[in-house]
Amino acid sequence: MILALGLLGFTAACGTDGEPAETTESGDTRIVIDFSPTANNAQLSLGIERGIFDRHGFEIHQVPGSGASANSVALLLNGQVQLAVSEITAVPAAVAAGFPVEIVTSLVTDYESPEGDAFSLVVPEGSGIRSFADLTGRTVAVNGLESFFDLTVLEAVRRAGGDPTQVRIVAIPFEDQVAALRQGRVDAVSTLEPFAGQLLTGGFRSIGNPATSALGPRSVPSILMGSQRFVDRNPEVMRRFVRAWGEVTAYANDNPAQVRQTIVRTTGAPPEAVAELPLPWYVSGIDRRSAALVARLMVDFGRIDAAPPLDTFTWSEAPDAHDLGTPPRGLQVAE
């Protein structure tokens, strides 16, 4: 990621992210958001479909991205997008490297539940891997290297008494992990919904949730980030966006059937698989505990030399993630 960001020096300096937010002919604020379709950000598409952002004066455009956080940071700093869906480790990594981005709001919280977890470490049914400690000496696929997914796998291995330095991590996109596991190219995959559900109904099993094992319950893996210059230049726009996001989040949590329909449409997952998967617990605001803990773990595993101060990579005006207190839809959550 740092190598990719290093290519930004000239273009970031010449970017337009410090300009005022664009206003459309109808008087709405135009916001372009870089995202990769998963269940974890289905509330974004649903909020657009239901006109919630429209009611708050926004014209939202989604730009399907590659899922690479470094690319998202590049788009933000060049002014090509105003916000980007990302996993949380991208932000302290970028800030530690001198690239000014910050968390604007959370997307989901992780949890463990009898109904199924949001994240899973999946292995073949006949595998001898029974715990995170058993991953020592094994190969694990994650969606991207030096990301939330491999960070939590390594920390889960360490907490279970295994040796994280002896775990081989390889990058394989979520949609290709099933084939890699079936073909024996990897021993395990760290994944999320709807991909985990498809695996678990197809003859594989989960050995646990690496995120809750590493960070504790109700941590926040996915966030929306923006460039500091854009956010600072447009504070009222961002306040209005966060209010809209709070409404979108509440609507998604209260309408699981519509969320499932959105997941099918945006991800292409089979409707029968989506009908069975555990839905995300969507949240708004910033979980500053998770942000600080992730930054410390990134230092522990050599991702960054020192954790940047929390106020340098979280928007100061964003509220705390207050909706972490009560699970939605009567969801049964382990504490």
C-alpha atoms as a PDB file:
ATOM      1  CA  MET A   1       0.000   0.000   0.000  1.00  0.00           C
ATOM      2  CA  ILE A   2       2.763   2.451   0.881  1.00  0.00           C
ATOM      3  CA  LEU A   3       4.441   1.821  -2.476  1.00  0.00           C
ATOM      4  CA  ALA A   4       1.191   2.539  -4.297  1.00  0.00           C
ATOM      5  CA  LEU A   5       0.618   5.686  -2.267  1.00  0.00           C
ATOM      6  CA  GLY A   6       4.128   6.847  -3.049  1.00  0.00           C
ATOM      7  CA  LEU A   7       3.030   7.311  -6.648  1.00  0.00           C
ATOM      8  CA  LEU A   8       0.576   9.957  -5.540  1.00  0.00           C
ATOM      9  CA  GLY A   9       3.023  12.723  -4.620  1.00  0.00           C
ATOM     10  CA  PHE A  10       2.579  14.891  -7.679  1.00  0.00           C
ATOM     11  CA  THR A  11      -1.074  14.176  -8.442  1.00  0.00           C
ATOM     12  CA  ALA A  12      -2.172  14.621  -4.827  1.00  0.00           C
ATOM     13  CA  ALA A  13      -0.532  18.028  -4.707  1.00  0.00           C
ATOM     14  CA  CYS A  14      -2.425  19.005  -7.849  1.00  0.00           C
ATOM     15  CA  GLY A  15      -5.757  17.428  -6.878  1.00  0.00           C
ATOM     16  CA  THR A  16      -9.028  19.277  -6.446  1.00  0.00           C
ATOM     17  CA  ASP A  17     -10.092  17.710  -3.158  1.00  0.00           C
ATOM     18  CA  GLY A  18      -9.732  21.054  -1.407  1.00  0.00           C
ATOM     19  CA  GLU A  19     -12.436  22.632  -3.570  1.00  0.00           C
ATOM     20  CA  PRO A  20     -15.968  23.216  -2.296  1.00  0.00           C
ATOM     21  CA  ALA A  21     -18.430  20.365  -2.789  1.00  0.00           C
ATOM     22  CA  GLU A  22     -20.129  20.430  -6.172  1.00  0.00           C
ATOM     23  CA  THR A  23     -23.714  21.667  -6.345  1.00  0.00           C
ATOM     24  CA  THR A  24     -25.987  20.275  -9.060  1.00  0.00           C
ATOM     25  CA  GLU A  25     -28.435  22.325 -11.143  1.00  0.00           C
ATOM     26  CA  SER A  26     -31.221  21.181  -8.822  1.00  0.00           C
ATOM     27  CA  GLY A  27     -29.334  22.530  -5.806  1.00  0.00           C
ATOM     28  CA  ASP A  28     -28.289  19.165  -4.400  1.00  0.00           C
ATOM     29  CA  THR A  29     -24.748  18.374  -3.248  1.00  0.00           C
ATOM     30  CA  ARG A  30     -23.034  15.862  -5.534  1.00  0.00           C
ATOM     31  CA  ILE A  31     -20.973  13.246  -3.703  1.00  0.00           C
ATOM     32  CA  VAL A  32     -19.089  10.480  -5.507  1.00  0.00           C
ATOM     33  CA  ILE A  33     -18.357   7.400  -3.379  1.00  0.00           C
ATOM     34  CA  ASP A  34     -15.859   4.665  -4.247  1.00  0.00           C
ATOM     35  CA  PHE A  35     -17.101   1.272  -3.065  1.00  0.00           C
ATOM     36  CA  SER A  36     -16.883  -2.482  -3.624  1.00  0.00           C
ATOM     37  CA  PRO A  37     -20.223  -4.287  -3.339  1.00  0.00           C
ATOM     38  CA  THR A  38     -20.522  -6.479  -0.245  1.00  0.00           C
ATOM     39  CA  ALA A  39     -23.169  -7.044   2.387  1.00  0.00           C
ATOM     40  CA  ASN A  40     -21.234  -4.673   4.663  1.00  0.00           C
ATOM     41  CA  ASN A  41     -22.056  -1.617   2.581  1.00  0.00           C
ATOM     42  CA  ALA A  42     -25.458  -2.591   1.185  1.00  0.00           C
ATOM     43  CA  GLN A  43     -27.027   0.196   3.245  1.00  0.00           C
ATOM     44  CA  LEU A  44     -25.355   2.728   0.938  1.00  0.00           C
ATOM     45  CA  SER A  45     -27.119   1.374  -2.154  1.00  0.00           C
ATOM     46  CA  LEU A  46     -30.353   0.938  -0.216  1.00  0.00           C
ATOM     47  CA  GLY A  47     -30.256   4.533   1.037  1.00  0.00           C
ATOM     48  CA  ILE A  48     -29.887   5.765  -2.533  1.00  0.00           C
ATOM     49  CA  GLU A  49     -32.722   3.552  -3.780  1.00  0.00           C
ATOM     50  CA  ARG A  50     -35.109   4.670  -1.034  1.00  0.00           C
ATOM     51  CA  GLY A  51     -34.410   8.369  -1.630  1.00  0.00           C
ATOM     52  CA  ILE A  52     -33.031   8.989   1.858  1.00  0.00           C
ATOM     53  CA  PHE A  53     -29.987  10.862   0.586  1.00  0.00           C
ATOM     54  CA  ASP A  54     -32.231  12.840  -1.768  1.00  0.00           C
ATOM     55  CA  ARG A  55     -34.283  14.074   1.179  1.00  0.00           C
ATOM     56  CA  HIS A  56     -31.104  15.394   2.765  1.00  0.00           C
ATOM     57  CA  GLY A  57     -30.123  17.252  -0.389  1.00  0.00           C
ATOM     58  CA  PHE A  58     -27.574  14.821  -1.842  1.00  0.00           C
ATOM     59  CA  GLU A  59     -27.050  13.360  -5.279  1.00  0.00           C
ATOM     60  CA  ILE A  60     -24.941  10.264  -4.553  1.00  0.00           C
ATOM     61  CA  HIS A  61     -22.969   8.497  -7.269  1.00  0.00           C
ATOM     62  CA  GLN A  62     -21.405   5.106  -6.539  1.00  0.00           C
ATOM     63  CA  VAL A  63     -18.220   4.189  -8.383  1.00  0.00           C
ATOM     64  CA  PRO A  64     -17.464   0.468  -8.123  1.00  0.00           C
ATOM     65  CA  GLY A  65     -13.846   0.195  -7.034  1.00  0.00           C
ATOM     66  CA  SER A  66     -11.261  -2.541  -6.983  1.00  0.00           C
ATOM     67  CA  GLY A  67     -11.450  -3.027  -3.225  1.00  0.00           C
ATOM     68  CA  ALA A  68      -7.840  -1.876  -2.933  1.00  0.00           C
ATOM     69  CA  SER A  69      -7.534   0.702  -0.182  1.00  0.00           C
ATOM     70  CA  ALA A  70      -4.465   2.309  -1.744  1.00  0.00           C
ATOM     71  CA  ASN A  71      -6.442   2.962  -4.924  1.00  0.00           C
ATOM     72  CA  SER A  72      -9.249   4.489  -2.887  1.00  0.00           C
ATOM     73  CA  VAL A  73      -6.831   6.811  -1.115  1.00  0.00           C
ATOM     74  CA  ALA A  74      -5.465   7.862  -4.506  1.00  0.00           C
ATOM     75  CA  LEU A  75      -8.959   8.687  -5.769  1.00  0.00           C
ATOM     76  CA  LEU A  76      -9.696  10.742  -2.646  1.00  0.00           C
ATOM     77  CA  LEU A  77      -6.500  12.758  -2.783  1.00  0.00           C
ATOM     78  CA  ASN A  78      -6.918  13.412  -6.502  1.00  0.00           C
ATOM     79  CA  GLY A  79     -10.451  14.694  -5.951  1.00  0.00           C
ATOM     80  CA  GLN A  80     -11.980  12.031  -8.191  1.00  0.00           C
ATOM     81  CA  VAL A  81     -14.219  10.830  -5.359  1.00  0.00           C
ATOM     82  CA  GLN A  82     -15.261  12.530  -2.138  1.00  0.00           C
ATOM     83  CA  LEU A  83     -15.738   9.454   0.047  1.00  0.00           C
ATOM     84  CA  ALA A  84     -14.602   5.832  -0.146  1.00  0.00           C
ATOM     85  CA  VAL A  85     -15.687   2.592   1.485  1.00  0.00           C
ATOM     86  CA  SER A  86     -12.651   0.958   3.055  1.00  0.00           C
ATOM     87  CA  GLU A  87     -11.489  -1.408   5.709  1.00  0.00           C
ATOM     88  CA  ILE A  88     -10.269   0.461   8.764  1.00  0.00           C
ATOM     89  CA  THR A  89      -6.525  -0.273   8.557  1.00  0.00           C
ATOM     90  CA  ALA A  90      -6.199   1.790   5.366  1.00  0.00           C
ATOM     91  CA  VAL A  91      -6.619   5.047   7.244  1.00  0.00           C
ATOM     92  CA  PRO A  92      -3.856   4.878   9.908  1.00  0.00           C
ATOM     93  CA  ALA A  93      -1.569   3.365   7.238  1.00  0.00           C
ATOM     94  CA  ALA A  94      -2.153   6.308   4.905  1.00  0.00           C
ATOM     95  CA  VAL A  95      -1.812   8.905   7.659  1.00  0.00           C
ATOM     96  CA  ALA A  96       1.391   7.308   8.975  1.00  0.00           C
ATOM     97  CA  ALA A  97       2.770   7.588   5.421  1.00  0.00           C
ATOM     98  CA  GLY A  98       1.873  11.283   5.248  1.00  0.00           C
ATOM     99  CA  PHE A  99      -1.331  11.070   3.220  1.00  0.00           C
ATOM    100  CA  PRO A 100      -4.153  13.093   4.860  1.00  0.00           C
ATOM    101  CA  VAL A 101      -7.312  11.020   4.991  1.00  0.00           C
ATOM    102  CA  GLU A 102      -9.672  10.397   7.886  1.00  0.00           C
ATOM    103  CA  ILE A 103     -12.579   8.256   9.020  1.00  0.00           C
ATOM    104  CA  VAL A 104     -15.931   9.984   8.587  1.00  0.00           C
ATOM    105  CA  THR A 105     -18.261   7.241   9.812  1.00  0.00           C
ATOM    106  CA  SER A 106     -18.387   3.524  10.490  1.00  0.00           C
ATOM    107  CA  LEU A 107     -20.324   1.079   8.294  1.00  0.00           C
ATOM    108  CA  VAL A 108     -20.844  -2.056  10.388  1.00  0.00           C
ATOM    109  CA  THR A 109     -19.868  -3.618  13.670  1.00  0.00           C
ATOM    110  CA  ASP A 110     -18.666  -7.164  14.046  1.00  0.00           C
ATOM    111  CA  TYR A 111     -20.414  -9.635  16.321  1.00  0.00           C
ATOM    112  CA  GLU A 112     -20.714 -13.276  17.290  1.00  0.00           C
ATOM    113  CA  SER A 113     -24.209 -14.730  17.209  1.00  0.00           C
ATOM    114  CA  PRO A 114     -25.981 -18.099  17.156  1.00  0.00           C
ATOM    115  CA  GLU A 115     -27.527 -16.822  13.914  1.00  0.00           C
ATOM    116  CA  GLY A 116     -24.067 -16.674  12.308  1.00  0.00           C
ATOM    117  CA  ASP A 117     -21.142 -14.267  12.399  1.00  0.00           C
ATOM    118  CA  ALA A 118     -20.408 -11.355  10.112  1.00  0.00           C
ATOM    119  CA  PHE A 119     -16.855 -12.659   9.474  1.00  0.00           C
ATOM    120  CA  SER A 120     -15.559 -16.212   9.281  1.00  0.00           C
ATOM    121  CA  LEU A 121     -12.302 -18.126   8.923  1.00  0.00           C
ATOM    122  CA  VAL A 122     -13.417 -21.006   6.687  1.00  0.00           C
ATOM    123  CA  VAL A 123     -11.700 -24.365   6.080  1.00  0.00           C
ATOM    124  CA  PRO A 124     -12.682 -27.575   4.243  1.00  0.00           C
ATOM    125  CA  GLU A 125     -14.910 -29.895   6.248  1.00  0.00           C
ATOM    126  CA  GLY A 126     -12.183 -32.551   6.499  1.00  0.00           C
ATOM    127  CA  SER A 127      -9.418 -30.144   7.496  1.00  0.00           C
ATOM    128  CA  GLY A 128      -7.394 -30.775  10.636  1.00  0.00           C
ATOM    129  CA  ILE A 129      -7.526 -27.061  11.445  1.00  0.00           C
ATOM    130  CA  ARG A 130      -9.716 -26.711  14.541  1.00  0.00           C
ATOM    131  CA  SER A 131      -8.537 -23.431  16.044  1.00  0.00           C
ATOM    132  CA  PHE A 132      -6.665 -20.283  15.089  1.00  0.00           C
ATOM    133  CA  ALA A 133      -3.519 -21.733  16.662  1.00  0.00           C
ATOM    134  CA  ASP A 134      -3.659 -24.544  14.057  1.00  0.00           C
ATOM    135  CA  LEU A 135      -3.046 -21.982  11.303  1.00  0.00           C
ATOM    136  CA  THR A 136       0.652 -22.007  12.222  1.00  0.00           C
ATOM    137  CA  GLY A 137       2.478 -23.349   9.175  1.00  0.00           C
ATOM    138  CA  ARG A 138      -0.615 -23.009   6.964  1.00  0.00           C
ATOM    139  CA  THR A 139      -1.616 -20.782   4.031  1.00  0.00           C
ATOM    140  CA  VAL A 140      -4.544 -18.392   4.505  1.00  0.00           C
ATOM    141  CA  ALA A 141      -6.222 -16.336   1.772  1.00  0.00           C
ATOM    142  CA  VAL A 142      -7.394 -12.784   2.447  1.00  0.00           C
ATOM    143  CA  ASN A 143      -8.935 -10.196   0.139  1.00  0.00           C
ATOM    144  CA  GLY A 144      -5.892  -7.897   0.297  1.00  0.00           C
ATOM    145  CA  LEU A 145      -2.481  -7.954   1.912  1.00  0.00           C
ATOM    146  CA  GLU A 146      -1.733  -5.736   4.914  1.00  0.00           C
ATOM    147  CA  SER A 147      -5.444  -5.260   5.463  1.00  0.00           C
ATOM    148  CA  PHE A 148      -7.962  -5.692   8.259  1.00  0.00           C
ATOM    149  CA  PHE A 149      -8.388  -9.326   7.253  1.00  0.00           C
ATOM    150  CA  ASP A 150      -4.810 -10.514   7.601  1.00  0.00           C
ATOM    151  CA  LEU A 151      -4.194  -8.288  10.635  1.00  0.00           C
ATOM    152  CA  THR A 152      -7.056  -9.901  12.563  1.00  0.00           C
ATOM    153  CA  VAL A 153      -6.066 -13.410  11.437  1.00  0.00           C
ATOM    154  CA  LEU A 154      -2.521 -12.925  12.723  1.00  0.00           C
ATOM    155  CA  GLU A 155      -3.702 -11.428  16.017  1.00  0.00           C
ATOM    156  CA  ALA A 156      -6.258 -14.248  16.451  1.00  0.00           C
ATOM    157  CA  VAL A 157      -3.436 -16.769  15.935  1.00  0.00           C
ATOM    158  CA  ARG A 158      -1.261 -14.977  18.494  1.00  0.00           C
ATOM    159  CA  ARG A 159      -4.067 -14.829  21.059  1.00  0.00           C
ATOM    160  CA  ALA A 160      -4.756 -18.545  20.563  1.00  0.00           C
ATOM    161  CA  GLY A 161      -1.130 -19.408  21.316  1.00  0.00           C
ATOM    162  CA  GLY A 162       0.022 -19.999  17.741  1.00  0.00           C
ATOM    163  CA  ASP A 163       2.924 -18.393  15.916  1.00  0.00           C
ATOM    164  CA  PRO A 164       1.700 -15.665  13.529  1.00  0.00           C
ATOM    165  CA  THR A 165       5.152 -15.393  11.930  1.00  0.00           C
ATOM    166  CA  GLN A 166       4.643 -18.923  10.575  1.00  0.00           C
ATOM    167  CA  VAL A 167       1.325 -18.184   8.861  1.00  0.00           C
ATOM    168  CA  ARG A 168       1.580 -17.633   5.109  1.00  0.00           C
ATOM    169  CA  ILE A 169      -0.878 -14.979   3.922  1.00  0.00           C
ATOM    170  CA  VAL A 170      -1.829 -14.714   0.251  1.00  0.00           C
ATOM    171  CA  ALA A 171      -4.137 -12.248  -1.498  1.00  0.00           C
ATOM    172  CA  ILE A 172      -7.137 -13.724  -3.324  1.00  0.00           C
ATOM    173  CA  PRO A 173     -10.336 -11.729  -4.027  1.00  0.00           C
ATOM    174  CA  PHE A 174     -13.389 -12.842  -2.066  1.00  0.00           C
ATOM    175  CA  GLU A 175     -15.153 -14.123  -5.165  1.00  0.00           C
ATOM    176  CA  ASP A 176     -12.175 -16.351  -6.096  1.00  0.00           C
ATOM    177  CA  GLN A 177     -11.539 -17.810  -2.651  1.00  0.00           C
ATOM    178  CA  VAL A 178     -14.051 -20.640  -3.063  1.00  0.00           C
ATOM    179  CA  ALA A 179     -12.127 -22.067  -6.010  1.00  0.00           C
ATOM    180  CA  ALA A 180      -8.803 -21.655  -4.217  1.00  0.00           C
ATOM    181  CA  LEU A 181     -10.115 -23.566  -1.204  1.00  0.00           C
ATOM    182  CA  ARG A 182     -11.683 -26.329  -3.310  1.00  0.00           C
ATOM    183  CA  GLN A 183      -8.493 -26.758  -5.322  1.00  0.00           C
ATOM    184  CA  GLY A 184      -6.326 -26.961  -2.211  1.00  0.00           C
ATOM    185  CA  ARG A 185      -4.263 -23.900  -3.123  1.00  0.00           C
ATOM    186  CA  VAL A 186      -4.916 -22.512   0.359  1.00  0.00           C
ATOM    187  CA  ASP A 187      -5.740 -24.117   3.693  1.00  0.00           C
ATOM    188  CA  ALA A 188      -8.219 -21.474   4.872  1.00  0.00           C
ATOM    189  CA  VAL A 189      -9.875 -18.214   3.828  1.00  0.00           C
ATOM    190  CA  SER A 190     -10.805 -15.169   5.868  1.00  0.00           C
ATOM    191  CA  THR A 191     -14.037 -13.867   4.425  1.00  0.00           C
ATOM    192  CA  LEU A 192     -17.320 -12.067   5.023  1.00  0.00           C
ATOM    193  CA  GLU A 193     -20.914 -12.227   3.816  1.00  0.00           C
ATOM    194  CA  PRO A 194     -22.315 -13.149   1.372  1.00  0.00           C
ATOM    195  CA  PHE A 195     -19.215 -15.178   0.481  1.00  0.00           C
ATOM    196  CA  ALA A 196     -18.976 -16.912   3.858  1.00  0.00           C
ATOM    197  CA  GLY A 197     -22.568 -18.078   3.651  1.00  0.00           C
ATOM    198  CA  GLN A 198     -22.003 -19.605   0.231  1.00  0.00           C
ATOM    199  CA  LEU A 199     -19.009 -21.540   1.565  1.00  0.00           C
ATOM    200  CA  LEU A 200     -20.729 -22.727   4.728  1.00  0.00           C
ATOM    201  CA  THR A 201     -23.681 -24.094   2.768  1.00  0.00           C
ATOM    202  CA  GLY A 202     -21.319 -25.740   0.282  1.00  0.00           C
ATOM    203  CA  GLY A 203     -19.488 -28.223   2.469  1.00  0.00           C
ATOM    204  CA  PHE A 204     -17.047 -25.997   4.357  1.00  0.00           C
ATOM    205  CA  ARG A 205     -16.956 -25.006   8.021  1.00  0.00           C
ATOM    206  CA  SER A 206     -15.909 -22.027  10.103  1.00  0.00           C
ATOM    207  CA  ILE A 207     -13.349 -22.250  12.900  1.00  0.00           C
ATOM    208  CA  GLY A 208     -14.438 -18.873  14.269  1.00  0.00           C
ATOM    209  CA  ASN A 209     -14.568 -15.159  13.780  1.00  0.00           C
ATOM    210  CA  PRO A 210     -11.025 -13.721  13.540  1.00  0.00           C
ATOM    211  CA  ALA A 211     -12.211 -10.150  14.045  1.00  0.00           C
ATOM    212  CA  THR A 212     -13.903 -10.731  17.402  1.00  0.00           C
ATOM    213  CA  SER A 213     -11.065 -13.026  18.458  1.00  0.00           C
ATOM    214  CA  ALA A 214      -8.543 -10.277  17.719  1.00  0.00           C
ATOM    215  CA  LEU A 215     -10.414  -7.102  18.664  1.00  0.00           C
ATOM    216  CA  GLY A 216     -13.202  -8.218  20.965  1.00  0.00           C
ATOM    217  CA  PRO A 217     -16.963  -8.034  20.331  1.00  0.00           C
ATOM    218  CA  ARG A 218     -18.558  -5.074  18.558  1.00  0.00           C
ATOM    219  CA  SER A 219     -15.442  -3.862  16.811  1.00  0.00           C
ATOM    220  CA  VAL A 220     -15.690  -1.879  13.580  1.00  0.00           C
ATOM    221  CA  PRO A 221     -13.913  -3.242  10.503  1.00  0.00           C
ATOM    222  CA  SER A 222     -15.427  -1.144   7.702  1.00  0.00           C
ATOM    223  CA  ILE A 223     -15.600   2.622   7.388  1.00  0.00           C
ATOM    224  CA  LEU A 224     -16.203   5.547   5.061  1.00  0.00           C
ATOM    225  CA  MET A 225     -13.143   7.758   4.668  1.00  0.00           C
ATOM    226  CA  GLY A 226     -12.582  11.145   3.078  1.00  0.00           C
ATOM    227  CA  SER A 227      -9.625  13.395   2.419  1.00  0.00           C
ATOM    228  CA  GLN A 228      -8.954  15.786   5.290  1.00  0.00           C
ATOM    229  CA  ARG A 229      -8.887  18.730   2.904  1.00  0.00           C
ATOM    230  CA  PHE A 230     -12.323  17.973   1.474  1.00  0.00           C
ATOM    231  CA  VAL A 231     -13.858  17.354   4.899  1.00  0.00           C
ATOM    232  CA  ASP A 232     -12.305  20.500   6.390  1.00  0.00           C
ATOM    233  CA  ARG A 233     -13.398  22.615   3.412  1.00  0.00           C
ATOM    234  CA  ASN A 234     -16.985  21.350   3.557  1.00  0.00           C
ATOM    235  CA  PRO A 235     -17.928  20.902   7.222  1.00  0.00           C
ATOM    236  CA  GLU A 236     -21.632  21.663   6.819  1.00  0.00           C
ATOM    237  CA  VAL A 237     -21.908  19.249   3.907  1.00  0.00           C
ATOM    238  CA  MET A 238     -20.279  16.547   6.015  1.00  0.00           C
ATOM    239  CA  ARG A 239     -22.524  17.244   9.006  1.00  0.00           C
ATOM    240  CA  ARG A 240     -25.540  16.880   6.733  1.00  0.00           C
ATOM    241  CA  PHE A 241     -24.118  13.703   5.231  1.00  0.00           C
ATOM    242  CA  VAL A 242     -23.583  12.131   8.655  1.00  0.00           C
ATOM    243  CA  ARG A 243     -27.192  12.958   9.584  1.00  0.00           C
ATOM    244  CA  ALA A 244     -28.348  11.276   6.370  1.00  0.00           C
ATOM    245  CA  TRP A 245     -26.084   8.303   7.096  1.00  0.00           C
ATOM    246  CA  GLY A 246     -27.671   7.877  10.517  1.00  0.00           C
ATOM    247  CA  GLU A 247     -31.104   7.678   8.888  1.00  0.00           C
ATOM    248  CA  VAL A 248     -29.851   5.260   6.222  1.00  0.00           C
ATOM    249  CA  THR A 249     -28.339   3.035   8.904  1.00  0.00           C
ATOM    250  CA  ALA A 250     -31.520   2.917  10.958  1.00  0.00           C
ATOM    251  CA  TYR A 251     -33.604   2.144   7.864  1.00  0.00           C
ATOM    252  CA  ALA A 252     -31.303  -0.708   6.804  1.00  0.00           C
ATOM    253  CA  ASN A 253     -31.319  -2.259  10.272  1.00  0.00           C
ATOM    254  CA  ASP A 254     -35.126  -2.090  10.376  1.00  0.00           C
ATOM    255  CA  ASN A 255     -35.722  -3.536   6.890  1.00  0.00           C
ATOM    256  CA  PRO A 256     -33.800  -6.820   6.543  1.00  0.00           C
ATOM    257  CA  ALA A 257     -35.839  -8.044   3.548  1.00  0.00           C
ATOM    258  CA  GLN A 258     -34.898  -4.953   1.543  1.00  0.00           C
ATOM    259  CA  VAL A 259     -31.265  -5.324   2.593  1.00  0.00           C
ATOM    260  CA  ARG A 260     -31.224  -8.901   1.283  1.00  0.00           C
ATOM    261  CA  GLN A 261     -32.692  -7.767  -2.037  1.00  0.00           C
ATOM    262  CA  THR A 262     -30.008  -5.089  -2.288  1.00  0.00           C
ATOM    263  CA  ILE A 263     -27.235  -7.594  -1.527  1.00  0.00           C
ATOM    264  CA  VAL A 264     -28.484  -9.897  -4.295  1.00  0.00           C
ATOM    265  CA  ARG A 265     -28.651  -7.032  -6.779  1.00  0.00           C
ATOM    266  CA  THR A 266     -25.289  -5.440  -5.954  1.00  0.00           C
ATOM    267  CA  THR A 267     -23.155  -8.538  -5.356  1.00  0.00           C
ATOM    268  CA  GLY A 268     -24.731 -11.050  -7.725  1.00  0.00           C
ATOM    269  CA  ALA A 269     -24.960 -13.624  -4.936  1.00  0.00           C
ATOM    270  CA  PRO A 270     -27.673 -16.285  -5.379  1.00  0.00           C
ATOM    271  CA  PRO A 271     -30.958 -15.265  -3.701  1.00  0.00           C
ATOM    272  CA  GLU A 272     -31.199 -18.600  -1.899  1.00  0.00           C
ATOM    273  CA  ALA A 273     -27.764 -18.076  -0.331  1.00  0.00           C
ATOM    274  CA  VAL A 274     -28.511 -14.494   0.672  1.00  0.00           C
ATOM    275  CA  ALA A 275     -31.798 -15.591   2.238  1.00  0.00           C
ATOM    276  CA  GLU A 276     -29.828 -17.639   4.785  1.00  0.00           C
ATOM    277  CA  LEU A 277     -26.886 -15.390   5.570  1.00  0.00           C
ATOM    278  CA  PRO A 278     -26.560 -13.376   8.807  1.00  0.00           C
ATOM    279  CA  LEU A 279     -27.094  -9.728   7.984  1.00  0.00           C
ATOM    280  CA  PRO A 280     -24.659  -7.033   9.054  1.00  0.00           C
ATOM    281  CA  TRP A 281     -25.325  -4.830  12.037  1.00  0.00           C
ATOM    282  CA  TYR A 282     -25.055  -1.409  10.449  1.00  0.00           C
ATOM    283  CA  VAL A 283     -23.751   1.518  12.501  1.00  0.00           C
ATOM    284  CA  SER A 284     -23.069   5.227  12.141  1.00  0.00           C
ATOM    285  CA  GLY A 285     -20.526   7.441  13.887  1.00  0.00           C
ATOM    286  CA  ILE A 286     -16.956   6.451  14.731  1.00  0.00           C
ATOM    287  CA  ASP A 287     -15.929   3.649  17.066  1.00  0.00           C
ATOM    288  CA  ARG A 288     -12.776   5.332  18.341  1.00  0.00           C
ATOM    289  CA  ARG A 289     -11.870   2.367  20.563  1.00  0.00           C
ATOM    290  CA  SER A 290     -11.586   0.095  17.520  1.00  0.00           C
ATOM    291  CA  ALA A 291      -9.660   2.711  15.566  1.00  0.00           C
ATOM    292  CA  ALA A 292      -7.072   3.139  18.327  1.00  0.00           C
ATOM    293  CA  LEU A 293      -6.740  -0.634  18.885  1.00  0.00           C
ATOM    294  CA  VAL A 294      -6.260  -1.339  15.173  1.00  0.00           C
ATOM    295  CA  ALA A 295      -3.530   1.309  14.960  1.00  0.00           C
ATOM    296  CA  ARG A 296      -1.696  -0.274  17.916  1.00  0.00           C
ATOM    297  CA  LEU A 297      -1.887  -3.738  16.345  1.00  0.00           C
ATOM    298  CA  MET A 298      -0.507  -2.337  13.102  1.00  0.00           C
ATOM    299  CA  VAL A 299       2.552  -1.216  15.054  1.00  0.00           C
ATOM    300  CA  ASP A 300       2.842  -4.628  16.724  1.00  0.00           C
ATOM    301  CA  PHE A 301       2.887  -6.388  13.348  1.00  0.00           C
ATOM    302  CA  GLY A 302       5.246  -3.927  11.701  1.00  0.00           C
ATOM    303  CA  ARG A 303       2.722  -2.276   9.381  1.00  0.00           C
ATOM    304  CA  ILE A 304       3.569   1.198  10.638  1.00  0.00           C
ATOM    305  CA  ASP A 305       6.396   2.516  12.821  1.00  0.00           C
ATOM    306  CA  ALA A 306       4.164   4.408  15.251  1.00  0.00           C
ATOM    307  CA  ALA A 307       0.421   4.783  15.718  1.00  0.00           C
ATOM    308  CA  PRO A 308      -0.733   8.234  14.587  1.00  0.00           C
ATOM    309  CA  PRO A 309      -2.741  10.187  17.166  1.00  0.00           C
ATOM    310  CA  LEU A 310      -6.407   9.281  16.991  1.00  0.00           C
ATOM    311  CA  ASP A 311      -7.473  12.827  16.187  1.00  0.00           C
ATOM    312  CA  THR A 312      -5.274  12.827  13.068  1.00  0.00           C
ATOM    313  CA  PHE A 313      -7.203  10.039  11.348  1.00  0.00           C
ATOM    314  CA  THR A 314     -10.774  10.465  12.665  1.00  0.00           C
ATOM    315  CA  TRP A 315     -13.017  13.424  11.851  1.00  0.00           C
ATOM    316  CA  SER A 316     -13.315  15.434  15.044  1.00  0.00           C
ATOM    317  CA  GLU A 317     -16.968  16.382  14.452  1.00  0.00           C
ATOM    318  CA  ALA A 318     -18.167  12.841  13.838  1.00  0.00           C
ATOM    319  CA  PRO A 319     -20.235  11.469  16.731  1.00  0.00           C
ATOM    320  CA  ASP A 320     -19.229   8.328  18.548  1.00  0.00           C
ATOM    321  CA  ALA A 321     -20.815   5.128  17.228  1.00  0.00           C
ATOM    322  CA  HIS A 322     -23.742   5.336  19.639  1.00  0.00           C
ATOM    323  CA  ASP A 323     -25.741   2.555  17.951  1.00  0.00           C
ATOM    324  CA  LEU A 324     -23.309  -0.117  19.163  1.00  0.00           C
ATOM    325  CA  GLY A 325     -25.329  -0.453  22.357  1.00  0.00           C
ATOM    326  CA  THR A 326     -28.474  -2.265  21.213  1.00  0.00           C
ATOM    327  CA  PRO A 327     -28.449  -4.996  18.543  1.00  0.00           C
ATOM    328  CA  PRO A 328     -31.043  -4.426  15.803  1.00  0.00           C
ATOM    329  CA  ARG A 329     -33.882  -6.754  14.778  1.00  0.00           C
ATOM    330  CA  GLY A 330     -33.697  -8.667  18.064  1.00  0.00           C
ATOM    331  CA  LEU A 331     -30.304 -10.036  16.998  1.00  0.00           C
ATOM    332  CA  GLN A 332     -28.824 -12.354  19.642  1.00  0.00           C
ATOM    333  CA  VAL A 333     -25.230 -11.254  20.184  1.00  0.00           C
ATOM    334  CA  ALA A 334     -22.536 -12.796  22.357  1.00  0.00           C
ATOM    335  CA  GLU A 335     -20.917 -10.322  24.740  1.00  0.00           C
END
